[in-house]
Amino acid sequence: MIREHRSREKLEGYYRKYIEKNELDPNVHPWVADSWQQSRDFGVGPERMATSSRLTAAELAALQLKNANAIDYLGDFAEDIREFFQKYNLSLLLVDADCTVLKSYSLPFYQKTPGEIEGVRVGIREVGTSSISIAYEHKVPFWLFGPEMWIEECQLGDACSAPILVGGELVYVLTIVSVEHETLPQDAVISLMLTMKRALETHLTQSMRIKAQEAILDATPFAVYHVMPGGDVAYAN
């Protein structure tokens, strides 16, 4: 769900009203309101982003290897649009179905270096309300304005997240985060996010089909070769 620009002053007022008085303004988006309540119920502190729930270096390396197909594909995509990310001070994250950051592309996420954020869990239980937690729960793209984020140090910029669905199942969450909102071209960021979502979903779906076809051919009792026009063998069972 992509929303139009809203008054940051009003959003800040709604947030402070909830944090200080535990009162939900009726103008708060219902998904955000529900997420705020969950954040409080889980005991997530609103001051600073926690990064203590993280994988070891070995665990992260193994997980990245397991998800190399998606990581590499998105890396090639991100490299082609690096200037756009640099111009608007944006970060790009690939998060797995357990809400663990697999890869941080472009600029630092909330001013954290890739080494600090990769391998960290960023689900609602760890960092409270974020575009990631809402896109994860509702399985739709969602734009979250800075003052709606649970962690106060993250409220200067906005964020947009989209679930990556393959066969109807959520396999990743893709996230674009801005460090500041003043010059952020919302329409362009949304279009870019939806393009990356569709491209990655298509790539993963096709990869799954190719693996299934190869598994079937590998089980056949006769030789099968796929020879490219130049003579290179692309596949042999």
C-alpha atoms as a PDB file:
ATOM      1  CA  MET A   1       0.000   0.000   0.000  1.00  0.00           C
ATOM      2  CA  ILE A   2       1.656   3.189  -1.215  1.00  0.00           C
ATOM      3  CA  ARG A   3       0.406   6.394   0.365  1.00  0.00           C
ATOM      4  CA  GLU A   4       0.618  10.030  -0.660  1.00  0.00           C
ATOM      5  CA  HIS A   5       2.652  12.602   1.246  1.00  0.00           C
ATOM      6  CA  ARG A   6       1.400  13.400   4.734  1.00  0.00           C
ATOM      7  CA  SER A   7       2.166  16.178   7.199  1.00  0.00           C
ATOM      8  CA  ARG A   8       5.255  15.141   9.128  1.00  0.00           C
ATOM      9  CA  GLU A   9       4.320  17.524  11.916  1.00  0.00           C
ATOM     10  CA  LYS A  10       1.003  15.727  12.405  1.00  0.00           C
ATOM     11  CA  LEU A  11       2.624  12.296  12.179  1.00  0.00           C
ATOM     12  CA  GLU A  12       5.179  13.332  14.795  1.00  0.00           C
ATOM     13  CA  GLY A  13       2.307  14.462  17.029  1.00  0.00           C
ATOM     14  CA  TYR A  14       0.528  11.117  16.669  1.00  0.00           C
ATOM     15  CA  TYR A  15       3.734   9.270  17.555  1.00  0.00           C
ATOM     16  CA  ARG A  16       4.500  11.390  20.623  1.00  0.00           C
ATOM     17  CA  LYS A  17       0.898  11.063  21.805  1.00  0.00           C
ATOM     18  CA  TYR A  18       1.206   7.281  21.688  1.00  0.00           C
ATOM     19  CA  ILE A  19       4.706   7.096  23.188  1.00  0.00           C
ATOM     20  CA  GLU A  20       4.006   9.536  26.013  1.00  0.00           C
ATOM     21  CA  LYS A  21       0.310   8.957  26.733  1.00  0.00           C
ATOM     22  CA  ASN A  22      -0.341   5.527  25.204  1.00  0.00           C
ATOM     23  CA  GLU A  23      -3.178   7.076  23.190  1.00  0.00           C
ATOM     24  CA  LEU A  24      -3.753   6.167  19.543  1.00  0.00           C
ATOM     25  CA  ASP A  25      -4.971   9.000  17.370  1.00  0.00           C
ATOM     26  CA  PRO A  26      -7.742   7.849  14.994  1.00  0.00           C
ATOM     27  CA  ASN A  27      -5.782   9.332  12.072  1.00  0.00           C
ATOM     28  CA  VAL A  28      -2.925   6.826  12.474  1.00  0.00           C
ATOM     29  CA  HIS A  29      -2.958   4.253   9.692  1.00  0.00           C
ATOM     30  CA  PRO A  30      -4.534   1.081  11.157  1.00  0.00           C
ATOM     31  CA  TRP A  31      -1.575  -1.104  10.140  1.00  0.00           C
ATOM     32  CA  VAL A  32       0.821   1.349  11.765  1.00  0.00           C
ATOM     33  CA  ALA A  33      -1.333   1.576  14.876  1.00  0.00           C
ATOM     34  CA  ASP A  34      -1.423  -2.197  15.210  1.00  0.00           C
ATOM     35  CA  SER A  35       2.335  -2.379  14.683  1.00  0.00           C
ATOM     36  CA  TRP A  36       2.968   0.273  17.350  1.00  0.00           C
ATOM     37  CA  GLN A  37       0.930  -1.751  19.798  1.00  0.00           C
ATOM     38  CA  GLN A  38       2.889  -4.898  18.949  1.00  0.00           C
ATOM     39  CA  SER A  39       6.182  -3.002  19.362  1.00  0.00           C
ATOM     40  CA  ARG A  40       5.160  -1.910  22.844  1.00  0.00           C
ATOM     41  CA  ASP A  41       3.905  -5.385  23.744  1.00  0.00           C
ATOM     42  CA  PHE A  42       7.258  -6.881  22.693  1.00  0.00           C
ATOM     43  CA  GLY A  43       9.075  -4.359  24.865  1.00  0.00           C
ATOM     44  CA  VAL A  44      11.073  -2.769  22.028  1.00  0.00           C
ATOM     45  CA  GLY A  45      12.759   0.391  23.224  1.00  0.00           C
ATOM     46  CA  PRO A  46      11.998   3.356  20.937  1.00  0.00           C
ATOM     47  CA  GLU A  47      15.249   5.275  21.366  1.00  0.00           C
ATOM     48  CA  ARG A  48      17.909   3.416  19.371  1.00  0.00           C
ATOM     49  CA  MET A  49      17.992   0.565  16.892  1.00  0.00           C
ATOM     50  CA  ALA A  50      19.153  -2.701  18.460  1.00  0.00           C
ATOM     51  CA  THR A  51      21.668  -4.769  16.494  1.00  0.00           C
ATOM     52  CA  SER A  52      22.443  -7.356  19.170  1.00  0.00           C
ATOM     53  CA  SER A  53      20.329 -10.060  17.518  1.00  0.00           C
ATOM     54  CA  ARG A  54      22.794 -11.008  14.812  1.00  0.00           C
ATOM     55  CA  LEU A  55      24.385 -14.028  13.185  1.00  0.00           C
ATOM     56  CA  THR A  56      28.022 -14.923  13.612  1.00  0.00           C
ATOM     57  CA  ALA A  57      30.318 -14.255  10.661  1.00  0.00           C
ATOM     58  CA  ALA A  58      30.279 -17.958   9.765  1.00  0.00           C
ATOM     59  CA  GLU A  59      26.499 -18.189  10.013  1.00  0.00           C
ATOM     60  CA  LEU A  60      26.083 -15.105   7.827  1.00  0.00           C
ATOM     61  CA  ALA A  61      28.521 -16.417   5.208  1.00  0.00           C
ATOM     62  CA  ALA A  62      26.636 -19.710   5.027  1.00  0.00           C
ATOM     63  CA  LEU A  63      23.290 -17.933   4.725  1.00  0.00           C
ATOM     64  CA  GLN A  64      24.576 -15.613   2.004  1.00  0.00           C
ATOM     65  CA  LEU A  65      25.920 -18.605   0.075  1.00  0.00           C
ATOM     66  CA  LYS A  66      22.539 -20.315   0.340  1.00  0.00           C
ATOM     67  CA  ASN A  67      20.842 -17.181  -1.031  1.00  0.00           C
ATOM     68  CA  ALA A  68      23.551 -16.252  -3.534  1.00  0.00           C
ATOM     69  CA  ASN A  69      21.142 -16.389  -6.487  1.00  0.00           C
ATOM     70  CA  ALA A  70      18.991 -13.540  -5.162  1.00  0.00           C
ATOM     71  CA  ILE A  71      21.927 -11.608  -3.674  1.00  0.00           C
ATOM     72  CA  ASP A  72      23.928 -11.640  -6.918  1.00  0.00           C
ATOM     73  CA  TYR A  73      20.943 -10.815  -9.115  1.00  0.00           C
ATOM     74  CA  LEU A  74      19.978  -7.838  -6.972  1.00  0.00           C
ATOM     75  CA  GLY A  75      23.609  -6.759  -6.792  1.00  0.00           C
ATOM     76  CA  ASP A  76      23.806  -6.493 -10.583  1.00  0.00           C
ATOM     77  CA  PHE A  77      20.535  -4.551 -10.578  1.00  0.00           C
ATOM     78  CA  ALA A  78      21.740  -2.178  -7.852  1.00  0.00           C
ATOM     79  CA  GLU A  79      25.020  -1.507  -9.625  1.00  0.00           C
ATOM     80  CA  ASP A  80      23.174  -0.159 -12.662  1.00  0.00           C
ATOM     81  CA  ILE A  81      21.286   2.398 -10.537  1.00  0.00           C
ATOM     82  CA  ARG A  82      24.036   3.271  -8.064  1.00  0.00           C
ATOM     83  CA  GLU A  83      24.102   6.940  -9.124  1.00  0.00           C
ATOM     84  CA  PHE A  84      20.405   7.271  -8.261  1.00  0.00           C
ATOM     85  CA  PHE A  85      21.024   5.862  -4.775  1.00  0.00           C
ATOM     86  CA  GLN A  86      24.009   8.143  -4.243  1.00  0.00           C
ATOM     87  CA  LYS A  87      22.162  11.228  -5.428  1.00  0.00           C
ATOM     88  CA  TYR A  88      19.302  10.767  -2.966  1.00  0.00           C
ATOM     89  CA  ASN A  89      21.294   9.131  -0.138  1.00  0.00           C
ATOM     90  CA  LEU A  90      19.408   5.828  -0.288  1.00  0.00           C
ATOM     91  CA  SER A  91      20.110   2.378   1.052  1.00  0.00           C
ATOM     92  CA  LEU A  92      18.920  -0.937  -0.354  1.00  0.00           C
ATOM     93  CA  LEU A  93      18.473  -4.041   1.785  1.00  0.00           C
ATOM     94  CA  LEU A  94      17.672  -7.660   0.999  1.00  0.00           C
ATOM     95  CA  VAL A  95      16.005  -9.321   4.004  1.00  0.00           C
ATOM     96  CA  ASP A  96      15.156 -13.015   4.214  1.00  0.00           C
ATOM     97  CA  ALA A  97      11.931 -14.646   5.415  1.00  0.00           C
ATOM     98  CA  ASP A  98      13.282 -14.663   8.988  1.00  0.00           C
ATOM     99  CA  CYS A  99      13.800 -10.884   8.842  1.00  0.00           C
ATOM    100  CA  THR A 100      17.592 -11.252   8.783  1.00  0.00           C
ATOM    101  CA  VAL A 101      19.497  -8.742   6.632  1.00  0.00           C
ATOM    102  CA  LEU A 102      21.268 -10.779   3.967  1.00  0.00           C
ATOM    103  CA  LYS A 103      22.867  -7.919   2.089  1.00  0.00           C
ATOM    104  CA  SER A 104      23.167  -4.153   2.320  1.00  0.00           C
ATOM    105  CA  TYR A 105      23.711  -2.379  -0.997  1.00  0.00           C
ATOM    106  CA  SER A 106      24.521   1.247  -1.755  1.00  0.00           C
ATOM    107  CA  LEU A 107      24.790   3.641   1.172  1.00  0.00           C
ATOM    108  CA  PRO A 108      24.638   2.772   4.887  1.00  0.00           C
ATOM    109  CA  PHE A 109      21.273   1.726   6.320  1.00  0.00           C
ATOM    110  CA  TYR A 110      20.351   4.259   9.001  1.00  0.00           C
ATOM    111  CA  GLN A 111      23.995   5.421   8.839  1.00  0.00           C
ATOM    112  CA  LYS A 112      25.250   1.922   9.720  1.00  0.00           C
ATOM    113  CA  THR A 113      27.951   0.278   7.617  1.00  0.00           C
ATOM    114  CA  PRO A 114      27.107  -2.976   5.805  1.00  0.00           C
ATOM    115  CA  GLY A 115      29.211  -4.868   8.338  1.00  0.00           C
ATOM    116  CA  GLU A 116      27.050  -3.550  11.157  1.00  0.00           C
ATOM    117  CA  ILE A 117      23.656  -4.326   9.605  1.00  0.00           C
ATOM    118  CA  GLU A 118      24.249  -7.521   7.610  1.00  0.00           C
ATOM    119  CA  GLY A 119      23.290 -10.573   9.623  1.00  0.00           C
ATOM    120  CA  VAL A 120      21.114  -8.535  11.985  1.00  0.00           C
ATOM    121  CA  ARG A 121      17.472  -9.430  12.574  1.00  0.00           C
ATOM    122  CA  VAL A 122      15.191  -6.478  11.854  1.00  0.00           C
ATOM    123  CA  GLY A 123      11.758  -7.954  12.549  1.00  0.00           C
ATOM    124  CA  ILE A 124       9.148  -6.282  14.702  1.00  0.00           C
ATOM    125  CA  ARG A 125      10.369  -8.134  17.807  1.00  0.00           C
ATOM    126  CA  GLU A 126      13.835  -6.640  17.353  1.00  0.00           C
ATOM    127  CA  VAL A 127      13.318  -3.103  15.995  1.00  0.00           C
ATOM    128  CA  GLY A 128       9.576  -2.501  16.261  1.00  0.00           C
ATOM    129  CA  THR A 129       7.512  -0.843  13.554  1.00  0.00           C
ATOM    130  CA  SER A 130       9.260  -0.463  10.199  1.00  0.00           C
ATOM    131  CA  SER A 131       8.280  -0.724   6.555  1.00  0.00           C
ATOM    132  CA  ILE A 132       9.859  -4.192   6.681  1.00  0.00           C
ATOM    133  CA  SER A 133       7.611  -5.420   9.489  1.00  0.00           C
ATOM    134  CA  ILE A 134       4.447  -4.106   7.822  1.00  0.00           C
ATOM    135  CA  ALA A 135       5.288  -5.420   4.330  1.00  0.00           C
ATOM    136  CA  TYR A 136       6.201  -8.744   5.953  1.00  0.00           C
ATOM    137  CA  GLU A 137       2.927  -9.029   7.848  1.00  0.00           C
ATOM    138  CA  HIS A 138       0.536  -7.819   5.141  1.00  0.00           C
ATOM    139  CA  LYS A 139       2.423  -9.160   2.086  1.00  0.00           C
ATOM    140  CA  VAL A 140       2.091  -5.924   0.105  1.00  0.00           C
ATOM    141  CA  PRO A 141       4.472  -3.033  -0.687  1.00  0.00           C
ATOM    142  CA  PHE A 142       4.267  -0.327   1.967  1.00  0.00           C
ATOM    143  CA  TRP A 143       5.646   3.200   2.267  1.00  0.00           C
ATOM    144  CA  LEU A 144       6.335   4.208   5.867  1.00  0.00           C
ATOM    145  CA  PHE A 145       6.971   7.830   6.752  1.00  0.00           C
ATOM    146  CA  GLY A 146       9.796   8.562   9.165  1.00  0.00           C
ATOM    147  CA  PRO A 147       7.703   9.693  12.147  1.00  0.00           C
ATOM    148  CA  GLU A 148       5.746   6.421  11.992  1.00  0.00           C
ATOM    149  CA  MET A 149       8.843   4.290  12.621  1.00  0.00           C
ATOM    150  CA  TRP A 150       9.156   2.940  16.136  1.00  0.00           C
ATOM    151  CA  ILE A 151      12.870   3.707  16.531  1.00  0.00           C
ATOM    152  CA  GLU A 152      13.352   7.438  16.988  1.00  0.00           C
ATOM    153  CA  GLU A 153      16.870   7.541  15.493  1.00  0.00           C
ATOM    154  CA  CYS A 154      15.370   6.223  12.229  1.00  0.00           C
ATOM    155  CA  GLN A 155      12.716   8.906  11.845  1.00  0.00           C
ATOM    156  CA  LEU A 156      14.574  11.466   9.734  1.00  0.00           C
ATOM    157  CA  GLY A 157      13.963   9.610   6.475  1.00  0.00           C
ATOM    158  CA  ASP A 158      11.255   7.437   4.945  1.00  0.00           C
ATOM    159  CA  ALA A 159      11.315   3.779   3.898  1.00  0.00           C
ATOM    160  CA  CYS A 160       9.571   1.591   1.355  1.00  0.00           C
ATOM    161  CA  SER A 161       9.475  -2.205   1.524  1.00  0.00           C
ATOM    162  CA  ALA A 162       8.028  -4.877  -0.737  1.00  0.00           C
ATOM    163  CA  PRO A 163       7.592  -8.608  -0.176  1.00  0.00           C
ATOM    164  CA  ILE A 164       9.204 -10.944  -2.706  1.00  0.00           C
ATOM    165  CA  LEU A 165       6.717 -13.746  -3.326  1.00  0.00           C
ATOM    166  CA  VAL A 166       7.493 -16.981  -5.159  1.00  0.00           C
ATOM    167  CA  GLY A 167       4.715 -19.522  -5.553  1.00  0.00           C
ATOM    168  CA  GLY A 168       2.606 -17.446  -3.182  1.00  0.00           C
ATOM    169  CA  GLU A 169       5.194 -17.742  -0.399  1.00  0.00           C
ATOM    170  CA  LEU A 170       7.203 -14.846   1.026  1.00  0.00           C
ATOM    171  CA  VAL A 171      10.899 -15.544   0.482  1.00  0.00           C
ATOM    172  CA  TYR A 172      12.441 -12.079   0.886  1.00  0.00           C
ATOM    173  CA  VAL A 173      11.623  -8.480   1.726  1.00  0.00           C
ATOM    174  CA  LEU A 174      13.194  -5.736  -0.374  1.00  0.00           C
ATOM    175  CA  THR A 175      13.693  -2.361   1.307  1.00  0.00           C
ATOM    176  CA  ILE A 176      14.749   1.111   0.199  1.00  0.00           C
ATOM    177  CA  VAL A 177      15.560   3.526   3.021  1.00  0.00           C
ATOM    178  CA  SER A 178      16.299   7.238   2.832  1.00  0.00           C
ATOM    179  CA  VAL A 179      18.484   9.057   5.336  1.00  0.00           C
ATOM    180  CA  GLU A 180      16.519  12.272   4.781  1.00  0.00           C
ATOM    181  CA  HIS A 181      13.172  13.049   3.197  1.00  0.00           C
ATOM    182  CA  GLU A 182      13.401  16.636   1.926  1.00  0.00           C
ATOM    183  CA  THR A 183      14.528  15.870  -1.644  1.00  0.00           C
ATOM    184  CA  LEU A 184      13.213  12.335  -1.883  1.00  0.00           C
ATOM    185  CA  PRO A 185      11.381  11.664  -5.197  1.00  0.00           C
ATOM    186  CA  GLN A 186       8.668   9.387  -3.827  1.00  0.00           C
ATOM    187  CA  ASP A 187       7.157   8.440  -7.192  1.00  0.00           C
ATOM    188  CA  ALA A 188      10.547   7.459  -8.612  1.00  0.00           C
ATOM    189  CA  VAL A 189      11.446   5.403  -5.540  1.00  0.00           C
ATOM    190  CA  ILE A 190       8.096   3.594  -5.636  1.00  0.00           C
ATOM    191  CA  SER A 191       8.463   2.825  -9.354  1.00  0.00           C
ATOM    192  CA  LEU A 192      11.982   1.552  -8.777  1.00  0.00           C
ATOM    193  CA  MET A 193      10.877  -0.630  -5.876  1.00  0.00           C
ATOM    194  CA  LEU A 194       8.013  -2.207  -7.841  1.00  0.00           C
ATOM    195  CA  THR A 195      10.336  -2.803 -10.816  1.00  0.00           C
ATOM    196  CA  MET A 196      12.903  -4.560  -8.632  1.00  0.00           C
ATOM    197  CA  LYS A 197      10.176  -6.595  -6.934  1.00  0.00           C
ATOM    198  CA  ARG A 198       8.770  -7.892 -10.224  1.00  0.00           C
ATOM    199  CA  ALA A 199      12.213  -8.507 -11.724  1.00  0.00           C
ATOM    200  CA  LEU A 200      13.463 -10.483  -8.721  1.00  0.00           C
ATOM    201  CA  GLU A 201      10.248 -12.508  -8.451  1.00  0.00           C
ATOM    202  CA  THR A 202      10.433 -13.374 -12.161  1.00  0.00           C
ATOM    203  CA  HIS A 203      14.106 -14.319 -11.904  1.00  0.00           C
ATOM    204  CA  LEU A 204      13.555 -16.560  -8.872  1.00  0.00           C
ATOM    205  CA  THR A 205      10.506 -18.211 -10.434  1.00  0.00           C
ATOM    206  CA  GLN A 206      12.392 -18.955 -13.644  1.00  0.00           C
ATOM    207  CA  SER A 207      15.372 -20.277 -11.665  1.00  0.00           C
ATOM    208  CA  MET A 208      13.069 -22.613  -9.761  1.00  0.00           C
ATOM    209  CA  ARG A 209      11.562 -23.930 -12.983  1.00  0.00           C
ATOM    210  CA  ILE A 210      14.980 -24.503 -14.533  1.00  0.00           C
ATOM    211  CA  LYS A 211      16.130 -26.434 -11.460  1.00  0.00           C
ATOM    212  CA  ALA A 212      12.986 -28.567 -11.600  1.00  0.00           C
ATOM    213  CA  GLN A 213      13.495 -29.283 -15.291  1.00  0.00           C
ATOM    214  CA  GLU A 214      17.142 -30.178 -14.727  1.00  0.00           C
ATOM    215  CA  ALA A 215      16.188 -32.501 -11.859  1.00  0.00           C
ATOM    216  CA  ILE A 216      13.787 -34.334 -14.180  1.00  0.00           C
ATOM    217  CA  LEU A 217      16.389 -34.593 -16.952  1.00  0.00           C
ATOM    218  CA  ASP A 218      19.037 -35.771 -14.469  1.00  0.00           C
ATOM    219  CA  ALA A 219      16.783 -38.716 -13.628  1.00  0.00           C
ATOM    220  CA  THR A 220      16.328 -39.842 -17.233  1.00  0.00           C
ATOM    221  CA  PRO A 221      18.194 -43.025 -18.345  1.00  0.00           C
ATOM    222  CA  PHE A 222      19.658 -41.403 -21.468  1.00  0.00           C
ATOM    223  CA  ALA A 223      22.088 -38.556 -22.172  1.00  0.00           C
ATOM    224  CA  VAL A 224      20.773 -35.010 -22.628  1.00  0.00           C
ATOM    225  CA  TYR A 225      22.921 -32.094 -23.788  1.00  0.00           C
ATOM    226  CA  HIS A 226      22.067 -28.430 -24.285  1.00  0.00           C
ATOM    227  CA  VAL A 227      24.580 -27.029 -26.768  1.00  0.00           C
ATOM    228  CA  MET A 228      24.779 -23.286 -27.405  1.00  0.00           C
ATOM    229  CA  PRO A 229      25.129 -21.896 -30.963  1.00  0.00           C
ATOM    230  CA  GLY A 230      28.868 -21.343 -30.404  1.00  0.00           C
ATOM    231  CA  GLY A 231      29.383 -24.952 -29.424  1.00  0.00           C
ATOM    232  CA  ASP A 232      29.565 -24.524 -25.645  1.00  0.00           C
ATOM    233  CA  VAL A 233      27.661 -27.089 -23.597  1.00  0.00           C
ATOM    234  CA  ALA A 234      25.233 -25.218 -21.347  1.00  0.00           C
ATOM    235  CA  TYR A 235      23.841 -28.334 -19.679  1.00  0.00           C
ATOM    236  CA  ALA A 236      24.432 -32.049 -19.556  1.00  0.00           C
ATOM    237  CA  ASN A 237      22.565 -34.479 -17.388  1.00  0.00           C
END
